[in-house]
C-alpha atoms as a PDB file:
ATOM      1  CA  MET A   1       0.194   0.052  -0.012  1.00  0.00           C
ATOM      2  CA  LYS A   2       2.721   2.477  -0.974  1.00  0.00           C
ATOM      3  CA  GLU A   3       0.459   4.773  -3.596  1.00  0.00           C
ATOM      4  CA  LYS A   4       1.572   8.690  -4.000  1.00  0.00           C
ATOM      5  CA  PHE A   5      -0.777  11.312  -2.775  1.00  0.00           C
ATOM      6  CA  SER A   6      -2.305  14.386  -4.783  1.00  0.00           C
ATOM      7  CA  ASN A   7       0.226  16.746  -4.551  1.00  0.00           C
ATOM      8  CA  ILE A   8      -1.409  18.993  -1.800  1.00  0.00           C
ATOM      9  CA  ILE A   9      -3.164  17.956   1.178  1.00  0.00           C
ATOM     10  CA  SER A  10      -5.314  19.169   3.391  1.00  0.00           C
ATOM     11  CA  HIS A  11      -3.623  19.624   7.011  1.00  0.00           C
ATOM     12  CA  ARG A  12      -6.032  18.718   9.883  1.00  0.00           C
ATOM     13  CA  GLY A  13      -8.493  18.669   6.673  1.00  0.00           C
ATOM     14  CA  TYR A  14     -10.504  21.512   5.269  1.00  0.00           C
ATOM     15  CA  HIS A  15     -10.949  23.845   8.293  1.00  0.00           C
ATOM     16  CA  GLY A  16     -11.839  27.199   8.869  1.00  0.00           C
ATOM     17  CA  GLU A  17     -14.767  29.543   8.714  1.00  0.00           C
ATOM     18  CA  GLY A  18     -16.482  27.627  11.468  1.00  0.00           C
ATOM     19  CA  ILE A  19     -15.485  24.291  10.777  1.00  0.00           C
ATOM     20  CA  VAL A  20     -12.435  23.072  13.221  1.00  0.00           C
ATOM     21  CA  GLU A  21      -9.575  21.139  12.624  1.00  0.00           C
ATOM     22  CA  ASN A  22      -9.610  17.550  12.399  1.00  0.00           C
ATOM     23  CA  THR A  23     -13.280  17.359  12.692  1.00  0.00           C
ATOM     24  CA  LEU A  24     -15.303  15.115  11.115  1.00  0.00           C
ATOM     25  CA  GLU A  25     -16.868  18.122  10.038  1.00  0.00           C
ATOM     26  CA  ALA A  26     -13.121  19.180   8.158  1.00  0.00           C
ATOM     27  CA  PHE A  27     -12.665  15.264   6.860  1.00  0.00           C
ATOM     28  CA  SER A  28     -16.101  15.963   5.028  1.00  0.00           C
ATOM     29  CA  LYS A  29     -15.220  19.030   3.300  1.00  0.00           C
ATOM     30  CA  SER A  30     -11.884  17.613   2.168  1.00  0.00           C
ATOM     31  CA  VAL A  31     -13.585  14.681   0.737  1.00  0.00           C
ATOM     32  CA  LYS A  32     -15.910  16.922  -1.087  1.00  0.00           C
ATOM     33  CA  ASN A  33     -12.758  18.344  -2.382  1.00  0.00           C
ATOM     34  CA  SER A  34     -11.217  15.491  -3.680  1.00  0.00           C
ATOM     35  CA  LEU A  35      -7.842  16.270  -1.322  1.00  0.00           C
ATOM     36  CA  PRO A  36      -6.157  13.541   0.947  1.00  0.00           C
ATOM     37  CA  ILE A  37      -6.370  14.062   4.905  1.00  0.00           C
ATOM     38  CA  GLU A  38      -3.627  15.179   7.292  1.00  0.00           C
ATOM     39  CA  LEU A  39      -4.680  14.232  10.768  1.00  0.00           C
ATOM     40  CA  ASP A  40      -3.176  13.970  14.439  1.00  0.00           C
ATOM     41  CA  ILE A  41      -3.583  10.663  16.240  1.00  0.00           C
ATOM     42  CA  TYR A  42      -3.598   9.989  20.528  1.00  0.00           C
ATOM     43  CA  LEU A  43      -4.266   7.201  22.342  1.00  0.00           C
ATOM     44  CA  THR A  44      -6.769   7.958  25.898  1.00  0.00           C
ATOM     45  CA  LYS A  45      -6.413   6.635  29.318  1.00  0.00           C
ATOM     46  CA  ASP A  46      -9.290   4.196  27.724  1.00  0.00           C
ATOM     47  CA  GLN A  47      -6.992   2.910  25.263  1.00  0.00           C
ATOM     48  CA  LYS A  48      -9.586   4.748  22.135  1.00  0.00           C
ATOM     49  CA  LEU A  49      -7.826   6.280  19.070  1.00  0.00           C
ATOM     50  CA  VAL A  50      -8.731  10.050  18.636  1.00  0.00           C
ATOM     51  CA  VAL A  51      -8.510  12.774  16.183  1.00  0.00           C
ATOM     52  CA  PHE A  52      -6.292  15.633  17.933  1.00  0.00           C
ATOM     53  CA  HIS A  53      -3.330  17.504  17.091  1.00  0.00           C
ATOM     54  CA  ASP A  54      -2.616  19.363  21.215  1.00  0.00           C
ATOM     55  CA  ASP A  55      -1.248  17.239  24.193  1.00  0.00           C
ATOM     56  CA  THR A  56      -3.860  19.137  25.522  1.00  0.00           C
ATOM     57  CA  LEU A  57      -6.851  20.474  25.717  1.00  0.00           C
ATOM     58  CA  LYS A  58      -6.525  23.886  25.860  1.00  0.00           C
ATOM     59  CA  ARG A  59      -5.874  25.925  22.664  1.00  0.00           C
ATOM     60  CA  LEU A  60      -9.344  24.736  21.509  1.00  0.00           C
ATOM     61  CA  MET A  61     -11.473  23.980  24.682  1.00  0.00           C
ATOM     62  CA  GLY A  62      -9.793  26.100  26.888  1.00  0.00           C
ATOM     63  CA  ILE A  63      -9.307  23.187  28.850  1.00  0.00           C
ATOM     64  CA  ASP A  64      -6.325  22.849  30.719  1.00  0.00           C
ATOM     65  CA  LYS A  65      -6.157  18.508  30.351  1.00  0.00           C
ATOM     66  CA  LYS A  66      -3.939  16.183  28.848  1.00  0.00           C
ATOM     67  CA  ILE A  67      -5.217  13.671  26.043  1.00  0.00           C
ATOM     68  CA  GLU A  68      -4.351  10.911  27.342  1.00  0.00           C
ATOM     69  CA  GLU A  69      -5.282  11.462  30.540  1.00  0.00           C
ATOM     70  CA  CYS A  70      -8.925  11.511  29.682  1.00  0.00           C
ATOM     71  CA  THR A  71     -11.098   8.952  29.107  1.00  0.00           C
ATOM     72  CA  TYR A  72     -13.184   9.124  25.601  1.00  0.00           C
ATOM     73  CA  SER A  73     -16.719   9.472  27.542  1.00  0.00           C
ATOM     74  CA  GLU A  74     -14.734  12.690  29.070  1.00  0.00           C
ATOM     75  CA  LEU A  75     -13.544  14.220  26.339  1.00  0.00           C
ATOM     76  CA  LEU A  76     -16.832  14.214  24.865  1.00  0.00           C
ATOM     77  CA  GLU A  77     -18.143  16.427  27.670  1.00  0.00           C
ATOM     78  CA  TYR A  78     -16.130  19.057  26.260  1.00  0.00           C
ATOM     79  CA  SER A  79     -17.137  21.912  23.401  1.00  0.00           C
ATOM     80  CA  PHE A  80     -14.631  24.001  20.986  1.00  0.00           C
ATOM     81  CA  LEU A  81     -14.113  27.517  22.119  1.00  0.00           C
ATOM     82  CA  GLU A  82     -14.991  28.208  18.583  1.00  0.00           C
ATOM     83  CA  GLY A  83     -16.747  25.892  15.913  1.00  0.00           C
ATOM     84  CA  GLN A  84     -19.425  22.782  16.430  1.00  0.00           C
ATOM     85  CA  GLY A  85     -18.472  19.667  16.188  1.00  0.00           C
ATOM     86  CA  LYS A  86     -16.911  16.503  18.519  1.00  0.00           C
ATOM     87  CA  ILE A  87     -13.292  15.066  18.561  1.00  0.00           C
ATOM     88  CA  PRO A  88     -14.085  11.764  16.669  1.00  0.00           C
ATOM     89  CA  LEU A  89     -12.649   8.582  17.250  1.00  0.00           C
ATOM     90  CA  PHE A  90     -10.269   7.793  14.439  1.00  0.00           C
ATOM     91  CA  SER A  91     -12.402   4.709  13.508  1.00  0.00           C
ATOM     92  CA  GLU A  92     -15.204   7.922  12.847  1.00  0.00           C
ATOM     93  CA  ALA A  93     -12.609   8.982  10.122  1.00  0.00           C
ATOM     94  CA  LEU A  94     -12.225   6.142   8.270  1.00  0.00           C
ATOM     95  CA  GLU A  95     -16.192   5.269   8.681  1.00  0.00           C
ATOM     96  CA  LEU A  96     -16.392   9.001   7.237  1.00  0.00           C
ATOM     97  CA  VAL A  97     -14.065   8.380   4.448  1.00  0.00           C
ATOM     98  CA  ARG A  98     -14.301   5.101   3.159  1.00  0.00           C
ATOM     99  CA  GLY A  99     -11.101   5.037   0.526  1.00  0.00           C
ATOM    100  CA  LYS A 100     -12.670   7.941  -0.817  1.00  0.00           C
ATOM    101  CA  VAL A 101      -9.547  10.296  -0.245  1.00  0.00           C
ATOM    102  CA  PRO A 102      -6.137   9.028   1.112  1.00  0.00           C
ATOM    103  CA  PHE A 103      -5.098   9.837   4.934  1.00  0.00           C
ATOM    104  CA  LEU A 104      -1.768  11.035   5.818  1.00  0.00           C
ATOM    105  CA  ILE A 105      -1.937   9.982   9.874  1.00  0.00           C
ATOM    106  CA  GLU A 106       0.726  11.523  12.375  1.00  0.00           C
ATOM    107  CA  ILE A 107       0.864   9.604  15.293  1.00  0.00           C
ATOM    108  CA  LYS A 108       2.269  12.293  18.264  1.00  0.00           C
ATOM    109  CA  ARG A 109       4.716  11.836  20.657  1.00  0.00           C
ATOM    110  CA  CYS A 110       3.463   9.795  23.380  1.00  0.00           C
ATOM    111  CA  LYS A 111       4.098   7.892  26.570  1.00  0.00           C
ATOM    112  CA  ASN A 112       3.786   4.776  25.073  1.00  0.00           C
ATOM    113  CA  TYR A 113       4.862   4.838  21.579  1.00  0.00           C
ATOM    114  CA  LYS A 114       4.305   0.606  20.865  1.00  0.00           C
ATOM    115  CA  LYS A 115       0.811   0.388  22.249  1.00  0.00           C
ATOM    116  CA  THR A 116      -0.366   3.310  20.009  1.00  0.00           C
ATOM    117  CA  CYS A 117       1.426   1.993  16.884  1.00  0.00           C
ATOM    118  CA  LYS A 118      -0.091  -2.097  17.828  1.00  0.00           C
ATOM    119  CA  ALA A 119      -3.588   0.180  18.145  1.00  0.00           C
ATOM    120  CA  LEU A 120      -3.345   1.775  15.085  1.00  0.00           C
ATOM    121  CA  GLU A 121      -1.975  -1.328  13.057  1.00  0.00           C
ATOM    122  CA  GLY A 122      -5.180  -2.655  14.389  1.00  0.00           C
ATOM    123  CA  ILE A 123      -7.537  -0.534  13.375  1.00  0.00           C
ATOM    124  CA  LEU A 124      -6.102  -0.468   9.650  1.00  0.00           C
ATOM    125  CA  GLU A 125      -6.188  -4.045   8.965  1.00  0.00           C
ATOM    126  CA  ASN A 126      -9.195  -4.119   7.648  1.00  0.00           C
ATOM    127  CA  TYR A 127      -9.229  -0.634   6.015  1.00  0.00           C
ATOM    128  CA  THR A 128      -8.578  -0.689   2.121  1.00  0.00           C
ATOM    129  CA  GLY A 129      -8.152   2.806   1.137  1.00  0.00           C
ATOM    130  CA  LYS A 130      -4.915   4.665   0.976  1.00  0.00           C
ATOM    131  CA  VAL A 131      -2.728   5.661   4.171  1.00  0.00           C
ATOM    132  CA  GLN A 132       0.665   6.678   4.826  1.00  0.00           C
ATOM    133  CA  ILE A 133       2.395   7.420   8.667  1.00  0.00           C
ATOM    134  CA  GLN A 134       4.281  10.360   9.747  1.00  0.00           C
ATOM    135  CA  SER A 135       6.068  11.181  13.124  1.00  0.00           C
ATOM    136  CA  PHE A 136       8.465  13.248  14.858  1.00  0.00           C
ATOM    137  CA  ASP A 137       9.221  10.050  16.782  1.00  0.00           C
ATOM    138  CA  PHE A 138      12.223   7.838  14.928  1.00  0.00           C
ATOM    139  CA  ARG A 139      11.469   5.297  17.033  1.00  0.00           C
ATOM    140  CA  ILE A 140       7.654   5.212  15.491  1.00  0.00           C
ATOM    141  CA  VAL A 141       8.576   5.907  12.241  1.00  0.00           C
ATOM    142  CA  ARG A 142      11.565   2.515  12.579  1.00  0.00           C
ATOM    143  CA  TRP A 143       8.666   0.584  14.059  1.00  0.00           C
ATOM    144  CA  PHE A 144       6.312   0.663  10.562  1.00  0.00           C
ATOM    145  CA  LEU A 145       9.350   0.483   8.429  1.00  0.00           C
ATOM    146  CA  LYS A 146       9.840  -2.767   9.966  1.00  0.00           C
ATOM    147  CA  ARG A 147       6.176  -4.256   9.100  1.00  0.00           C
ATOM    148  CA  LYS A 148       6.309  -2.585   5.843  1.00  0.00           C
ATOM    149  CA  LYS A 149       3.095  -2.269   5.285  1.00  0.00           C
ATOM    150  CA  TYR A 150       2.488   1.595   4.946  1.00  0.00           C
ATOM    151  CA  ARG A 151       4.046   4.217   3.435  1.00  0.00           C
ATOM    152  CA  THR A 152       6.238   5.915   5.919  1.00  0.00           C
ATOM    153  CA  GLY A 153       7.761   9.324   6.650  1.00  0.00           C
ATOM    154  CA  LEU A 154       9.649  11.226   9.446  1.00  0.00           C
ATOM    155  CA  LEU A 155       8.820  14.921  10.136  1.00  0.00           C
ATOM    156  CA  VAL A 156      12.095  17.153  11.140  1.00  0.00           C
ATOM    157  CA  SER A 157      11.582  20.526  11.814  1.00  0.00           C
ATOM    158  CA  PRO A 158      14.185  23.100  11.909  1.00  0.00           C
ATOM    159  CA  ASN A 159      13.363  24.797  15.354  1.00  0.00           C
ATOM    160  CA  PRO A 160      15.039  23.337  18.312  1.00  0.00           C
ATOM    161  CA  LYS A 161      12.276  24.958  20.808  1.00  0.00           C
ATOM    162  CA  VAL A 162       9.736  22.011  19.333  1.00  0.00           C
ATOM    163  CA  GLN A 163      11.890  19.507  20.304  1.00  0.00           C
ATOM    164  CA  TYR A 164      14.361  18.127  22.696  1.00  0.00           C
ATOM    165  CA  TYR A 165      17.828  19.813  21.753  1.00  0.00           C
ATOM    166  CA  TRP A 166      19.847  16.331  21.244  1.00  0.00           C
ATOM    167  CA  TYR A 167      16.543  15.206  19.239  1.00  0.00           C
ATOM    168  CA  TYR A 168      17.209  18.225  17.413  1.00  0.00           C
ATOM    169  CA  LEU A 169      20.462  17.720  16.420  1.00  0.00           C
ATOM    170  CA  LEU A 170      19.942  13.989  15.293  1.00  0.00           C
ATOM    171  CA  VAL A 171      17.410  14.445  13.278  1.00  0.00           C
ATOM    172  CA  ASN A 172      18.732  17.293  11.526  1.00  0.00           C
ATOM    173  CA  SER A 173      21.922  15.143  10.151  1.00  0.00           C
ATOM    174  CA  ALA A 174      21.160  14.245   6.999  1.00  0.00           C
ATOM    175  CA  PHE A 175      23.680  11.287   8.003  1.00  0.00           C
ATOM    176  CA  PHE A 176      21.368  10.777  10.406  1.00  0.00           C
ATOM    177  CA  VAL A 177      18.312  10.401   8.845  1.00  0.00           C
ATOM    178  CA  LYS A 178      19.144   8.598   5.619  1.00  0.00           C
ATOM    179  CA  ASN A 179      21.296   5.780   7.036  1.00  0.00           C
ATOM    180  CA  ILE A 180      20.290   5.249  10.932  1.00  0.00           C
ATOM    181  CA  VAL A 181      16.050   5.936  10.153  1.00  0.00           C
ATOM    182  CA  ARG A 182      15.542   5.245   6.719  1.00  0.00           C
ATOM    183  CA  PRO A 183      12.219   6.935   6.282  1.00  0.00           C
ATOM    184  CA  GLU A 184      10.539   6.866   2.972  1.00  0.00           C
ATOM    185  CA  PHE A 185       9.890  10.405   2.719  1.00  0.00           C
ATOM    186  CA  VAL A 186      10.773  13.624   5.115  1.00  0.00           C
ATOM    187  CA  SER A 187       8.064  16.053   6.244  1.00  0.00           C
ATOM    188  CA  TYR A 188       9.918  18.804   6.572  1.00  0.00           C
ATOM    189  CA  ASP A 189       8.458  22.617   8.160  1.00  0.00           C
ATOM    190  CA  ILE A 190       8.467  25.451   5.122  1.00  0.00           C
ATOM    191  CA  LYS A 191       9.101  28.057   7.317  1.00  0.00           C
ATOM    192  CA  GLY A 192      13.358  25.937   7.182  1.00  0.00           C
ATOM    193  CA  VAL A 193      12.850  26.101   3.318  1.00  0.00           C
ATOM    194  CA  PRO A 194      15.327  26.532   1.572  1.00  0.00           C
ATOM    195  CA  SER A 195      18.165  24.241   3.782  1.00  0.00           C
ATOM    196  CA  PRO A 196      21.186  22.754   3.651  1.00  0.00           C
ATOM    197  CA  PHE A 197      19.730  19.423   5.182  1.00  0.00           C
ATOM    198  CA  LEU A 198      17.051  19.127   2.283  1.00  0.00           C
ATOM    199  CA  LYS A 199      19.397  19.536  -0.715  1.00  0.00           C
ATOM    200  CA  GLU A 200      21.045  16.087   1.393  1.00  0.00           C
ATOM    201  CA  ILE A 201      17.848  14.471   1.796  1.00  0.00           C
ATOM    202  CA  ARG A 202      17.025  15.224  -2.303  1.00  0.00           C
ATOM    203  CA  LYS A 203      19.994  13.528  -3.519  1.00  0.00           C
ATOM    204  CA  ALA A 204      19.684  11.065  -1.460  1.00  0.00           C
ATOM    205  CA  GLY A 205      15.751  10.323  -3.908  1.00  0.00           C
ATOM    206  CA  ILE A 206      13.689  10.664  -0.460  1.00  0.00           C
ATOM    207  CA  PRO A 207      10.576  12.620  -1.315  1.00  0.00           C
ATOM    208  CA  ILE A 208      10.032  15.272   0.281  1.00  0.00           C
ATOM    209  CA  TYR A 209       6.743  16.923   2.114  1.00  0.00           C
ATOM    210  CA  LEU A 210       6.627  20.191   3.315  1.00  0.00           C
ATOM    211  CA  TRP A 211       4.617  22.056   5.948  1.00  0.00           C
ATOM    212  CA  THR A 212       2.140  24.430   6.644  1.00  0.00           C
ATOM    213  CA  ILE A 213       1.829  26.023   3.469  1.00  0.00           C
ATOM    214  CA  ARG A 214      -0.325  29.177   3.816  1.00  0.00           C
ATOM    215  CA  SER A 215      -0.930  30.906   0.863  1.00  0.00           C
ATOM    216  CA  LYS A 216      -0.280  31.081  -2.454  1.00  0.00           C
ATOM    217  CA  LYS A 217       3.936  32.650  -1.775  1.00  0.00           C
ATOM    218  CA  GLU A 218       4.170  29.681   0.346  1.00  0.00           C
ATOM    219  CA  LEU A 219       2.878  27.334  -2.127  1.00  0.00           C
ATOM    220  CA  GLN A 220       5.280  28.479  -4.831  1.00  0.00           C
ATOM    221  CA  LEU A 221       8.203  28.094  -2.183  1.00  0.00           C
ATOM    222  CA  ALA A 222       7.207  25.034  -1.591  1.00  0.00           C
ATOM    223  CA  LYS A 223       6.721  23.461  -5.435  1.00  0.00           C
ATOM    224  CA  LYS A 224      10.051  24.667  -5.477  1.00  0.00           C
ATOM    225  CA  TYR A 225      11.449  22.611  -2.733  1.00  0.00           C
ATOM    226  CA  GLY A 226       9.165  19.816  -2.229  1.00  0.00           C
ATOM    227  CA  ASP A 227       6.972  16.963  -4.199  1.00  0.00           C
ATOM    228  CA  TYR A 228       3.864  17.258  -1.971  1.00  0.00           C
ATOM    229  CA  TYR A 229       2.452  20.618   0.037  1.00  0.00           C
ATOM    230  CA  ILE A 230       0.540  19.899   3.480  1.00  0.00           C
ATOM    231  CA  ALA A 231      -1.901  22.901   3.427  1.00  0.00           C
ATOM    232  CA  GLU A 232      -4.775  25.169   5.083  1.00  0.00           C
ATOM    233  CA  ARG A 233      -6.168  28.251   4.474  1.00  0.00           C
ATOM    234  CA  LEU A 234      -7.104  26.014   1.357  1.00  0.00           C
ATOM    235  CA  GLY A 235     -10.291  28.689   0.124  1.00  0.00           C
ATOM    236  CA  SER A 236      -7.554  31.375  -0.512  1.00  0.00           C
ATOM    237  CA  PHE A 237      -5.507  29.856  -2.766  1.00  0.00           C
ATOM    238  CA  HIS A 238      -7.687  29.521  -5.683  1.00  0.00           C
END
């Protein structure tokens, strides 16, 4: 299941204008526009895979609680500060899309990455749609690469503030990425483009995904240095 994606991928679904990121409403709009969906997953306290980006509910719901410390029934008690919908189960996203567009799934850094990986593998076992997987955690990337089921990539940020400094040094080393992690693609922050790191990744023949594209200008830059473009504010691109 290594099929290529369409070049533009909707970041956390096609959201905005009252539609909240990473919700079924956002995914429905992606399907309507025939756009692949990038989404984020966490495992809850009661072992449910949910679609949510942040590790806490603070930004979107005003609640200072960690996703991993809540049960799914607890999460359903809270409302978004802006917009409608609920935090969906990942299985609900699969049921909604049913292979109509591909998924690019980001597995977030978590307490027990193996448990999360196994939960995702189990849910995807009978799913026949196109799927790719990515993570900032190279242990997760290696876990899926060994299974050879899904095209799997490494997320890399050029900003040392978003990760442990030792980790930043590792994953921003083209030698480490090419020879140790060996991802099938690299997903990189558009804010760091151009970069010597990406130049080495390109020389190695590794496809480059760029995130997050928010304007026509950034899209033009992404087309110069990358192969696939994870974008939001898509309505302004027309």
